[in-house]
Amino acid sequence: AAGREFAQGVAVVCGAWHVPALRRRVAVAADRALVKGLPRTKVDMTWVPWTHRRLSRAGGYGAGIESPGWYGHLFAATDRPVERWLTGVAQLLREEDRVV
């Protein structure tokens, strides 16, 4: 349905485990057939908090990325990201009384 509504394409943000299922084109009728006869269940939505540490592959998350903090920074600081990153690093070092 989203594909028909948004002809340019749809972006889905998900973990790597879900990607193979999203790549398959499934007809609506086939999808509905999978759930036909199942009891309806009332559901609520919830926000799942995340941190860069939780998203990091180094933290044990198999579908994680190498540097989630860096990619978050690139998204947030589109103008001069390297300079902004290094300024932040210098500030952290100064807070620890390190010579910068």
PDB file of N, CA and C in Angstrom:
ATOM      1  N   ALA A   1       0.828  -1.190   0.000  1.00  0.00           N
ATOM      2  CA  ALA A   1       0.000   0.000   0.000  1.00  0.00           C
ATOM      3  C   ALA A   1       0.874   1.256   0.000  1.00  0.00           C
ATOM      4  N   ALA A   2       1.933   1.245   0.804  1.00  0.00           N
ATOM      5  CA  ALA A   2       2.814   2.417   0.851  1.00  0.00           C
ATOM      6  C   ALA A   2       3.494   2.623  -0.498  1.00  0.00           C
ATOM      7  N   GLY A   3       3.815   1.528  -1.185  1.00  0.00           N
ATOM      8  CA  GLY A   3       4.440   1.632  -2.498  1.00  0.00           C
ATOM      9  C   GLY A   3       3.557   2.320  -3.514  1.00  0.00           C
ATOM     10  N   ARG A   4       2.252   2.086  -3.417  1.00  0.00           N
ATOM     11  CA  ARG A   4       1.325   2.753  -4.334  1.00  0.00           C
ATOM     12  C   ARG A   4       1.169   4.222  -3.960  1.00  0.00           C
ATOM     13  N   GLU A   5       1.161   4.500  -2.669  1.00  0.00           N
ATOM     14  CA  GLU A   5       0.961   5.879  -2.221  1.00  0.00           C
ATOM     15  C   GLU A   5       2.185   6.745  -2.498  1.00  0.00           C
ATOM     16  N   PHE A   6       3.359   6.178  -2.321  1.00  0.00           N
ATOM     17  CA  PHE A   6       4.603   6.921  -2.503  1.00  0.00           C
ATOM     18  C   PHE A   6       5.360   6.316  -3.681  1.00  0.00           C
ATOM     19  N   ALA A   7       5.077   6.793  -4.869  1.00  0.00           N
ATOM     20  CA  ALA A   7       5.634   6.204  -6.092  1.00  0.00           C
ATOM     21  C   ALA A   7       7.156   6.299  -6.153  1.00  0.00           C
ATOM     22  N   GLN A   8       7.747   7.291  -5.481  1.00  0.00           N
ATOM     23  CA  GLN A   8       9.197   7.470  -5.537  1.00  0.00           C
ATOM     24  C   GLN A   8       9.933   6.392  -4.760  1.00  0.00           C
ATOM     25  N   GLY A   9       9.259   5.698  -3.888  1.00  0.00           N
ATOM     26  CA  GLY A   9       9.907   4.677  -3.072  1.00  0.00           C
ATOM     27  C   GLY A   9       9.667   4.946  -1.603  1.00  0.00           C
ATOM     28  N   VAL A  10       9.933   3.948  -0.820  1.00  0.00           N
ATOM     29  CA  VAL A  10       9.717   4.026   0.618  1.00  0.00           C
ATOM     30  C   VAL A  10      11.006   3.608   1.303  1.00  0.00           C
ATOM     31  N   ALA A  11      11.435   4.356   2.293  1.00  0.00           N
ATOM     32  CA  ALA A  11      12.608   3.991   3.084  1.00  0.00           C
ATOM     33  C   ALA A  11      12.138   3.320   4.365  1.00  0.00           C
ATOM     34  N   VAL A  12      12.762   2.201   4.692  1.00  0.00           N
ATOM     35  CA  VAL A  12      12.437   1.479   5.918  1.00  0.00           C
ATOM     36  C   VAL A  12      13.704   1.398   6.751  1.00  0.00           C
ATOM     37  N   VAL A  13      13.628   1.821   7.989  1.00  0.00           N
ATOM     38  CA  VAL A  13      14.756   1.722   8.907  1.00  0.00           C
ATOM     39  C   VAL A  13      14.491   0.530   9.809  1.00  0.00           C
ATOM     40  N   CYS A  14      15.378  -0.466   9.732  1.00  0.00           N
ATOM     41  CA  CYS A  14      15.178  -1.677  10.519  1.00  0.00           C
ATOM     42  C   CYS A  14      16.524  -2.332  10.767  1.00  0.00           C
ATOM     43  N   GLY A  15      16.520  -3.332  11.598  1.00  0.00           N
ATOM     44  CA  GLY A  15      17.722  -4.122  11.820  1.00  0.00           C
ATOM     45  C   GLY A  15      17.970  -5.043  10.630  1.00  0.00           C
ATOM     46  N   ALA A  16      19.202  -5.496  10.483  1.00  0.00           N
ATOM     47  CA  ALA A  16      19.580  -6.317   9.334  1.00  0.00           C
ATOM     48  C   ALA A  16      18.812  -7.631   9.266  1.00  0.00           C
ATOM     49  N   TRP A  17      18.353  -8.132  10.374  1.00  0.00           N
ATOM     50  CA  TRP A  17      17.631  -9.403  10.399  1.00  0.00           C
ATOM     51  C   TRP A  17      16.358  -9.328   9.570  1.00  0.00           C
ATOM     52  N   HIS A  18      15.731  -8.157   9.502  1.00  0.00           N
ATOM     53  CA  HIS A  18      14.456  -7.995   8.808  1.00  0.00           C
ATOM     54  C   HIS A  18      14.602  -7.751   7.304  1.00  0.00           C
ATOM     55  N   VAL A  19      15.785  -7.414   6.840  1.00  0.00           N
ATOM     56  CA  VAL A  19      15.972  -7.020   5.440  1.00  0.00           C
ATOM     57  C   VAL A  19      15.520  -8.082   4.441  1.00  0.00           C
ATOM     58  N   PRO A  20      15.883  -9.372   4.591  1.00  0.00           N
ATOM     59  CA  PRO A  20      15.435 -10.354   3.597  1.00  0.00           C
ATOM     60  C   PRO A  20      13.914 -10.396   3.440  1.00  0.00           C
ATOM     61  N   ALA A  21      13.186 -10.274   4.521  1.00  0.00           N
ATOM     62  CA  ALA A  21      11.723 -10.291   4.438  1.00  0.00           C
ATOM     63  C   ALA A  21      11.202  -9.057   3.712  1.00  0.00           C
ATOM     64  N   LEU A  22      11.863  -7.927   3.887  1.00  0.00           N
ATOM     65  CA  LEU A  22      11.416  -6.703   3.236  1.00  0.00           C
ATOM     66  C   LEU A  22      11.741  -6.688   1.744  1.00  0.00           C
ATOM     67  N   ARG A  23      12.750  -7.418   1.343  1.00  0.00           N
ATOM     68  CA  ARG A  23      13.127  -7.439  -0.077  1.00  0.00           C
ATOM     69  C   ARG A  23      12.147  -8.248  -0.919  1.00  0.00           C
ATOM     70  N   ARG A  24      11.487  -9.213  -0.290  1.00  0.00           N
ATOM     71  CA  ARG A  24      10.526 -10.030  -1.038  1.00  0.00           C
ATOM     72  C   ARG A  24       9.279  -9.218  -1.332  1.00  0.00           C
ATOM     73  N   ARG A  25       8.785  -9.340  -2.532  1.00  0.00           N
ATOM     74  CA  ARG A  25       7.513  -8.706  -2.903  1.00  0.00           C
ATOM     75  C   ARG A  25       6.411  -9.706  -2.592  1.00  0.00           C
ATOM     76  N   VAL A  26       5.530  -9.335  -1.705  1.00  0.00           N
ATOM     77  CA  VAL A  26       4.428 -10.214  -1.314  1.00  0.00           C
ATOM     78  C   VAL A  26       3.123  -9.523  -1.676  1.00  0.00           C
ATOM     79  N   ALA A  27       2.266 -10.245  -2.365  1.00  0.00           N
ATOM     80  CA  ALA A  27       0.965  -9.685  -2.728  1.00  0.00           C
ATOM     81  C   ALA A  27       0.118  -9.517  -1.475  1.00  0.00           C
ATOM     82  N   VAL A  28      -0.721  -8.510  -1.482  1.00  0.00           N
ATOM     83  CA  VAL A  28      -1.595  -8.247  -0.338  1.00  0.00           C
ATOM     84  C   VAL A  28      -2.442  -9.474  -0.029  1.00  0.00           C
ATOM     85  N   ALA A  29      -2.949 -10.137  -1.064  1.00  0.00           N
ATOM     86  CA  ALA A  29      -3.794 -11.320  -0.856  1.00  0.00           C
ATOM     87  C   ALA A  29      -3.022 -12.423  -0.138  1.00  0.00           C
ATOM     88  N   ALA A  30      -1.764 -12.630  -0.515  1.00  0.00           N
ATOM     89  CA  ALA A  30      -0.949 -13.655   0.141  1.00  0.00           C
ATOM     90  C   ALA A  30      -0.678 -13.283   1.590  1.00  0.00           C
ATOM     91  N   ASP A  31      -0.443 -12.009   1.831  1.00  0.00           N
ATOM     92  CA  ASP A  31      -0.201 -11.537   3.191  1.00  0.00           C
ATOM     93  C   ASP A  31      -1.442 -11.739   4.061  1.00  0.00           C
ATOM     94  N   ARG A  32      -2.587 -11.406   3.523  1.00  0.00           N
ATOM     95  CA  ARG A  32      -3.836 -11.577   4.277  1.00  0.00           C
ATOM     96  C   ARG A  32      -4.128 -13.047   4.539  1.00  0.00           C
ATOM     97  N   ALA A  33      -3.772 -13.914   3.597  1.00  0.00           N
ATOM     98  CA  ALA A  33      -4.006 -15.347   3.770  1.00  0.00           C
ATOM     99  C   ALA A  33      -3.224 -15.900   4.956  1.00  0.00           C
ATOM    100  N   LEU A  34      -2.057 -15.318   5.236  1.00  0.00           N
ATOM    101  CA  LEU A  34      -1.248 -15.774   6.365  1.00  0.00           C
ATOM    102  C   LEU A  34      -1.937 -15.557   7.705  1.00  0.00           C
ATOM    103  N   VAL A  35      -2.712 -14.504   7.812  1.00  0.00           N
ATOM    104  CA  VAL A  35      -3.336 -14.180   9.101  1.00  0.00           C
ATOM    105  C   VAL A  35      -4.816 -14.534   9.158  1.00  0.00           C
ATOM    106  N   LYS A  36      -5.340 -15.040   8.056  1.00  0.00           N
ATOM    107  CA  LYS A  36      -6.760 -15.384   8.018  1.00  0.00           C
ATOM    108  C   LYS A  36      -7.056 -16.459   9.073  1.00  0.00           C
ATOM    109  N   GLY A  37      -8.092 -16.221   9.832  1.00  0.00           N
ATOM    110  CA  GLY A  37      -8.497 -17.180  10.853  1.00  0.00           C
ATOM    111  C   GLY A  37      -7.816 -16.991  12.195  1.00  0.00           C
ATOM    112  N   LEU A  38      -6.787 -16.178  12.250  1.00  0.00           N
ATOM    113  CA  LEU A  38      -6.125 -15.929  13.535  1.00  0.00           C
ATOM    114  C   LEU A  38      -6.971 -14.973  14.365  1.00  0.00           C
ATOM    115  N   PRO A  39      -6.959 -15.147  15.676  1.00  0.00           N
ATOM    116  CA  PRO A  39      -7.738 -14.225  16.507  1.00  0.00           C
ATOM    117  C   PRO A  39      -7.144 -12.819  16.454  1.00  0.00           C
ATOM    118  N   ARG A  40      -8.011 -11.830  16.499  1.00  0.00           N
ATOM    119  CA  ARG A  40      -7.542 -10.439  16.520  1.00  0.00           C
ATOM    120  C   ARG A  40      -7.006 -10.123  17.907  1.00  0.00           C
ATOM    121  N   THR A  41      -5.975  -9.336  17.930  1.00  0.00           N
ATOM    122  CA  THR A  41      -5.354  -8.948  19.188  1.00  0.00           C
ATOM    123  C   THR A  41      -5.208  -7.439  19.212  1.00  0.00           C
ATOM    124  N   LYS A  42      -5.648  -6.837  20.289  1.00  0.00           N
ATOM    125  CA  LYS A  42      -5.487  -5.397  20.436  1.00  0.00           C
ATOM    126  C   LYS A  42      -4.029  -5.125  20.813  1.00  0.00           C
ATOM    127  N   VAL A  43      -3.435  -4.174  20.141  1.00  0.00           N
ATOM    128  CA  VAL A  43      -2.036  -3.861  20.409  1.00  0.00           C
ATOM    129  C   VAL A  43      -1.882  -2.373  20.685  1.00  0.00           C
ATOM    130  N   ASP A  44      -0.829  -2.038  21.354  1.00  0.00           N
ATOM    131  CA  ASP A  44      -0.444  -0.654  21.591  1.00  0.00           C
ATOM    132  C   ASP A  44       0.931  -0.451  20.982  1.00  0.00           C
ATOM    133  N   MET A  45       1.226   0.782  20.680  1.00  0.00           N
ATOM    134  CA  MET A  45       2.555   1.107  20.181  1.00  0.00           C
ATOM    135  C   MET A  45       3.404   1.551  21.359  1.00  0.00           C
ATOM    136  N   THR A  46       4.688   1.364  21.222  1.00  0.00           N
ATOM    137  CA  THR A  46       5.599   1.799  22.270  1.00  0.00           C
ATOM    138  C   THR A  46       6.863   2.357  21.628  1.00  0.00           C
ATOM    139  N   TRP A  47       7.481   3.269  22.310  1.00  0.00           N
ATOM    140  CA  TRP A  47       8.748   3.832  21.863  1.00  0.00           C
ATOM    141  C   TRP A  47       9.859   3.018  22.504  1.00  0.00           C
ATOM    142  N   VAL A  48      10.797   2.561  21.708  1.00  0.00           N
ATOM    143  CA  VAL A  48      11.914   1.785  22.225  1.00  0.00           C
ATOM    144  C   VAL A  48      13.121   2.712  22.322  1.00  0.00           C
ATOM    145  N   PRO A  49      13.540   3.028  23.531  1.00  0.00           N
ATOM    146  CA  PRO A  49      14.706   3.908  23.665  1.00  0.00           C
ATOM    147  C   PRO A  49      15.976   3.179  23.213  1.00  0.00           C
ATOM    148  N   TRP A  50      16.880   3.909  22.614  1.00  0.00           N
ATOM    149  CA  TRP A  50      18.132   3.314  22.193  1.00  0.00           C
ATOM    150  C   TRP A  50      19.261   4.280  22.474  1.00  0.00           C
ATOM    151  N   THR A  51      20.430   3.752  22.573  1.00  0.00           N
ATOM    152  CA  THR A  51      21.631   4.567  22.755  1.00  0.00           C
ATOM    153  C   THR A  51      22.648   4.126  21.708  1.00  0.00           C
ATOM    154  N   HIS A  52      23.645   4.933  21.508  1.00  0.00           N
ATOM    155  CA  HIS A  52      24.697   4.556  20.570  1.00  0.00           C
ATOM    156  C   HIS A  52      25.373   3.272  21.032  1.00  0.00           C
ATOM    157  N   ARG A  53      25.534   3.110  22.333  1.00  0.00           N
ATOM    158  CA  ARG A  53      26.167   1.895  22.852  1.00  0.00           C
ATOM    159  C   ARG A  53      25.334   0.659  22.496  1.00  0.00           C
ATOM    160  N   ARG A  54      24.006   0.765  22.612  1.00  0.00           N
ATOM    161  CA  ARG A  54      23.139  -0.373  22.292  1.00  0.00           C
ATOM    162  C   ARG A  54      23.155  -0.696  20.803  1.00  0.00           C
ATOM    163  N   LEU A  55      23.355   0.315  19.959  1.00  0.00           N
ATOM    164  CA  LEU A  55      23.373   0.092  18.514  1.00  0.00           C
ATOM    165  C   LEU A  55      24.727  -0.364  17.992  1.00  0.00           C
ATOM    166  N   SER A  56      25.727  -0.324  18.833  1.00  0.00           N
ATOM    167  CA  SER A  56      27.081  -0.621  18.395  1.00  0.00           C
ATOM    168  C   SER A  56      27.325  -2.116  18.256  1.00  0.00           C
ATOM    169  N   ARG A  57      27.988  -2.488  17.176  1.00  0.00           N
ATOM    170  CA  ARG A  57      28.388  -3.887  16.998  1.00  0.00           C
ATOM    171  C   ARG A  57      29.351  -4.287  18.106  1.00  0.00           C
ATOM    172  N   ALA A  58      30.198  -3.352  18.535  1.00  0.00           N
ATOM    173  CA  ALA A  58      31.163  -3.648  19.591  1.00  0.00           C
ATOM    174  C   ALA A  58      30.475  -3.971  20.912  1.00  0.00           C
ATOM    175  N   GLY A  59      29.245  -3.501  21.086  1.00  0.00           N
ATOM    176  CA  GLY A  59      28.496  -3.784  22.308  1.00  0.00           C
ATOM    177  C   GLY A  59      27.779  -5.118  22.272  1.00  0.00           C
ATOM    178  N   GLY A  60      27.970  -5.878  21.182  1.00  0.00           N
ATOM    179  CA  GLY A  60      27.368  -7.194  21.093  1.00  0.00           C
ATOM    180  C   GLY A  60      26.114  -7.269  20.250  1.00  0.00           C
ATOM    181  N   TYR A  61      25.667  -6.143  19.709  1.00  0.00           N
ATOM    182  CA  TYR A  61      24.470  -6.148  18.866  1.00  0.00           C
ATOM    183  C   TYR A  61      24.882  -6.608  17.477  1.00  0.00           C
ATOM    184  N   GLY A  62      24.483  -7.814  17.102  1.00  0.00           N
ATOM    185  CA  GLY A  62      24.937  -8.428  15.860  1.00  0.00           C
ATOM    186  C   GLY A  62      24.636  -7.635  14.607  1.00  0.00           C
ATOM    187  N   ALA A  63      23.513  -6.933  14.595  1.00  0.00           N
ATOM    188  CA  ALA A  63      23.154  -6.138  13.422  1.00  0.00           C
ATOM    189  C   ALA A  63      23.611  -4.697  13.584  1.00  0.00           C
ATOM    190  N   GLY A  64      24.469  -4.466  14.552  1.00  0.00           N
ATOM    191  CA  GLY A  64      24.903  -3.105  14.850  1.00  0.00           C
ATOM    192  C   GLY A  64      25.853  -2.537  13.817  1.00  0.00           C
ATOM    193  N   ILE A  65      26.217  -1.297  14.031  1.00  0.00           N
ATOM    194  CA  ILE A  65      27.136  -0.620  13.128  1.00  0.00           C
ATOM    195  C   ILE A  65      28.414  -0.285  13.881  1.00  0.00           C
ATOM    196  N   GLU A  66      29.463  -0.004  13.140  1.00  0.00           N
ATOM    197  CA  GLU A  66      30.773   0.231  13.750  1.00  0.00           C
ATOM    198  C   GLU A  66      30.810   1.481  14.620  1.00  0.00           C
ATOM    199  N   SER A  67      30.241   2.572  14.157  1.00  0.00           N
ATOM    200  CA  SER A  67      30.366   3.852  14.857  1.00  0.00           C
ATOM    201  C   SER A  67      29.037   4.596  14.871  1.00  0.00           C
ATOM    202  N   PRO A  68      28.068   4.138  15.660  1.00  0.00           N
ATOM    203  CA  PRO A  68      26.759   4.796  15.638  1.00  0.00           C
ATOM    204  C   PRO A  68      26.810   6.258  16.069  1.00  0.00           C
ATOM    205  N   GLY A  69      27.702   6.598  16.979  1.00  0.00           N
ATOM    206  CA  GLY A  69      27.820   7.991  17.404  1.00  0.00           C
ATOM    207  C   GLY A  69      28.249   8.896  16.262  1.00  0.00           C
ATOM    208  N   TRP A  70      29.203   8.411  15.460  1.00  0.00           N
ATOM    209  CA  TRP A  70      29.679   9.193  14.321  1.00  0.00           C
ATOM    210  C   TRP A  70      28.569   9.393  13.299  1.00  0.00           C
ATOM    211  N   TYR A  71      27.830   8.329  12.994  1.00  0.00           N
ATOM    212  CA  TYR A  71      26.753   8.454  12.007  1.00  0.00           C
ATOM    213  C   TYR A  71      25.616   9.325  12.532  1.00  0.00           C
ATOM    214  N   GLY A  72      25.349   9.257  13.817  1.00  0.00           N
ATOM    215  CA  GLY A  72      24.365  10.163  14.412  1.00  0.00           C
ATOM    216  C   GLY A  72      24.818  11.605  14.287  1.00  0.00           C
ATOM    217  N   HIS A  73      26.118  11.826  14.490  1.00  0.00           N
ATOM    218  CA  HIS A  73      26.686  13.167  14.361  1.00  0.00           C
ATOM    219  C   HIS A  73      26.577  13.666  12.917  1.00  0.00           C
ATOM    220  N   LEU A  74      26.889  12.801  11.953  1.00  0.00           N
ATOM    221  CA  LEU A  74      26.782  13.203  10.544  1.00  0.00           C
ATOM    222  C   LEU A  74      25.357  13.615  10.192  1.00  0.00           C
ATOM    223  N   PHE A  75      24.395  12.915  10.747  1.00  0.00           N
ATOM    224  CA  PHE A  75      22.992  13.234  10.486  1.00  0.00           C
ATOM    225  C   PHE A  75      22.606  14.568  11.118  1.00  0.00           C
ATOM    226  N   ALA A  76      23.107  14.819  12.325  1.00  0.00           N
ATOM    227  CA  ALA A  76      22.720  16.026  13.065  1.00  0.00           C
ATOM    228  C   ALA A  76      23.510  17.263  12.645  1.00  0.00           C
ATOM    229  N   ALA A  77      24.751  17.089  12.228  1.00  0.00           N
ATOM    230  CA  ALA A  77      25.621  18.229  11.903  1.00  0.00           C
ATOM    231  C   ALA A  77      26.017  18.155  10.438  1.00  0.00           C
ATOM    232  N   THR A  78      25.085  18.470   9.566  1.00  0.00           N
ATOM    233  CA  THR A  78      25.352  18.323   8.134  1.00  0.00           C
ATOM    234  C   THR A  78      26.358  19.336   7.600  1.00  0.00           C
ATOM    235  N   ASP A  79      26.494  20.470   8.272  1.00  0.00           N
ATOM    236  CA  ASP A  79      27.472  21.464   7.831  1.00  0.00           C
ATOM    237  C   ASP A  79      28.750  21.300   8.655  1.00  0.00           C
ATOM    238  N   ARG A  80      29.841  21.050   8.012  1.00  0.00           N
ATOM    239  CA  ARG A  80      31.158  20.937   8.639  1.00  0.00           C
ATOM    240  C   ARG A  80      31.186  19.882   9.749  1.00  0.00           C
ATOM    241  N   PRO A  81      30.826  18.655   9.479  1.00  0.00           N
ATOM    242  CA  PRO A  81      30.744  17.641  10.531  1.00  0.00           C
ATOM    243  C   PRO A  81      32.090  17.305  11.175  1.00  0.00           C
ATOM    244  N   VAL A  82      33.162  17.293  10.382  1.00  0.00           N
ATOM    245  CA  VAL A  82      34.467  16.947  10.954  1.00  0.00           C
ATOM    246  C   VAL A  82      34.904  18.003  11.956  1.00  0.00           C
ATOM    247  N   GLU A  83      34.773  19.274  11.574  1.00  0.00           N
ATOM    248  CA  GLU A  83      35.166  20.351  12.480  1.00  0.00           C
ATOM    249  C   GLU A  83      34.334  20.321  13.763  1.00  0.00           C
ATOM    250  N   ARG A  84      33.042  20.085  13.625  1.00  0.00           N
ATOM    251  CA  ARG A  84      32.175  20.031  14.807  1.00  0.00           C
ATOM    252  C   ARG A  84      32.540  18.847  15.699  1.00  0.00           C
ATOM    253  N   TRP A  85      32.850  17.700  15.089  1.00  0.00           N
ATOM    254  CA  TRP A  85      33.225  16.513  15.857  1.00  0.00           C
ATOM    255  C   TRP A  85      34.513  16.780  16.640  1.00  0.00           C
ATOM    256  N   LEU A  86      35.522  17.315  15.955  1.00  0.00           N
ATOM    257  CA  LEU A  86      36.801  17.571  16.618  1.00  0.00           C
ATOM    258  C   LEU A  86      36.674  18.635  17.701  1.00  0.00           C
ATOM    259  N   THR A  87      35.804  19.615  17.499  1.00  0.00           N
ATOM    260  CA  THR A  87      35.552  20.615  18.538  1.00  0.00           C
ATOM    261  C   THR A  87      34.963  19.949  19.773  1.00  0.00           C
ATOM    262  N   GLY A  88      34.041  19.018  19.565  1.00  0.00           N
ATOM    263  CA  GLY A  88      33.451  18.284  20.688  1.00  0.00           C
ATOM    264  C   GLY A  88      34.475  17.431  21.413  1.00  0.00           C
ATOM    265  N   VAL A  89      35.363  16.787  20.652  1.00  0.00           N
ATOM    266  CA  VAL A  89      36.425  15.981  21.259  1.00  0.00           C
ATOM    267  C   VAL A  89      37.344  16.868  22.090  1.00  0.00           C
ATOM    268  N   ALA A  90      37.724  18.020  21.545  1.00  0.00           N
ATOM    269  CA  ALA A  90      38.591  18.945  22.282  1.00  0.00           C
ATOM    270  C   ALA A  90      37.924  19.395  23.574  1.00  0.00           C
ATOM    271  N   GLN A  91      36.633  19.661  23.520  1.00  0.00           N
ATOM    272  CA  GLN A  91      35.905  20.082  24.721  1.00  0.00           C
ATOM    273  C   GLN A  91      35.927  18.980  25.779  1.00  0.00           C
ATOM    274  N   LEU A  92      35.713  17.738  25.370  1.00  0.00           N
ATOM    275  CA  LEU A  92      35.749  16.627  26.325  1.00  0.00           C
ATOM    276  C   LEU A  92      37.132  16.472  26.940  1.00  0.00           C
ATOM    277  N   LEU A  93      38.179  16.625  26.129  1.00  0.00           N
ATOM    278  CA  LEU A  93      39.541  16.522  26.648  1.00  0.00           C
ATOM    279  C   LEU A  93      39.843  17.646  27.638  1.00  0.00           C
ATOM    280  N   ARG A  94      39.376  18.851  27.343  1.00  0.00           N
ATOM    281  CA  ARG A  94      39.585  19.973  28.270  1.00  0.00           C
ATOM    282  C   ARG A  94      38.874  19.732  29.598  1.00  0.00           C
ATOM    283  N   GLU A  95      37.683  19.131  29.536  1.00  0.00           N
ATOM    284  CA  GLU A  95      36.944  18.830  30.766  1.00  0.00           C
ATOM    285  C   GLU A  95      37.702  17.843  31.649  1.00  0.00           C
ATOM    286  N   GLU A  96      38.600  17.064  31.045  1.00  0.00           N
ATOM    287  CA  GLU A  96      39.437  16.126  31.797  1.00  0.00           C
ATOM    288  C   GLU A  96      40.823  16.712  32.069  1.00  0.00           C
ATOM    289  N   ASP A  97      40.936  18.032  31.923  1.00  0.00           N
ATOM    290  CA  ASP A  97      42.195  18.748  32.158  1.00  0.00           C
ATOM    291  C   ASP A  97      43.342  18.232  31.290  1.00  0.00           C
ATOM    292  N   ARG A  98      43.028  17.841  30.085  1.00  0.00           N
ATOM    293  CA  ARG A  98      44.056  17.409  29.142  1.00  0.00           C
ATOM    294  C   ARG A  98      44.458  18.599  28.276  1.00  0.00           C
ATOM    295  N   VAL A  99      45.695  18.628  27.857  1.00  0.00           N
ATOM    296  CA  VAL A  99      46.184  19.700  26.999  1.00  0.00           C
ATOM    297  C   VAL A  99      45.709  19.427  25.573  1.00  0.00           C
ATOM    298  N   VAL A 100      45.091  20.455  24.983  1.00  0.00           N
ATOM    299  CA  VAL A 100      44.589  20.320  23.613  1.00  0.00           C
ATOM    300  C   VAL A 100      45.290  21.337  22.741  1.00  0.00           C
TER     301      VAL A 100
END
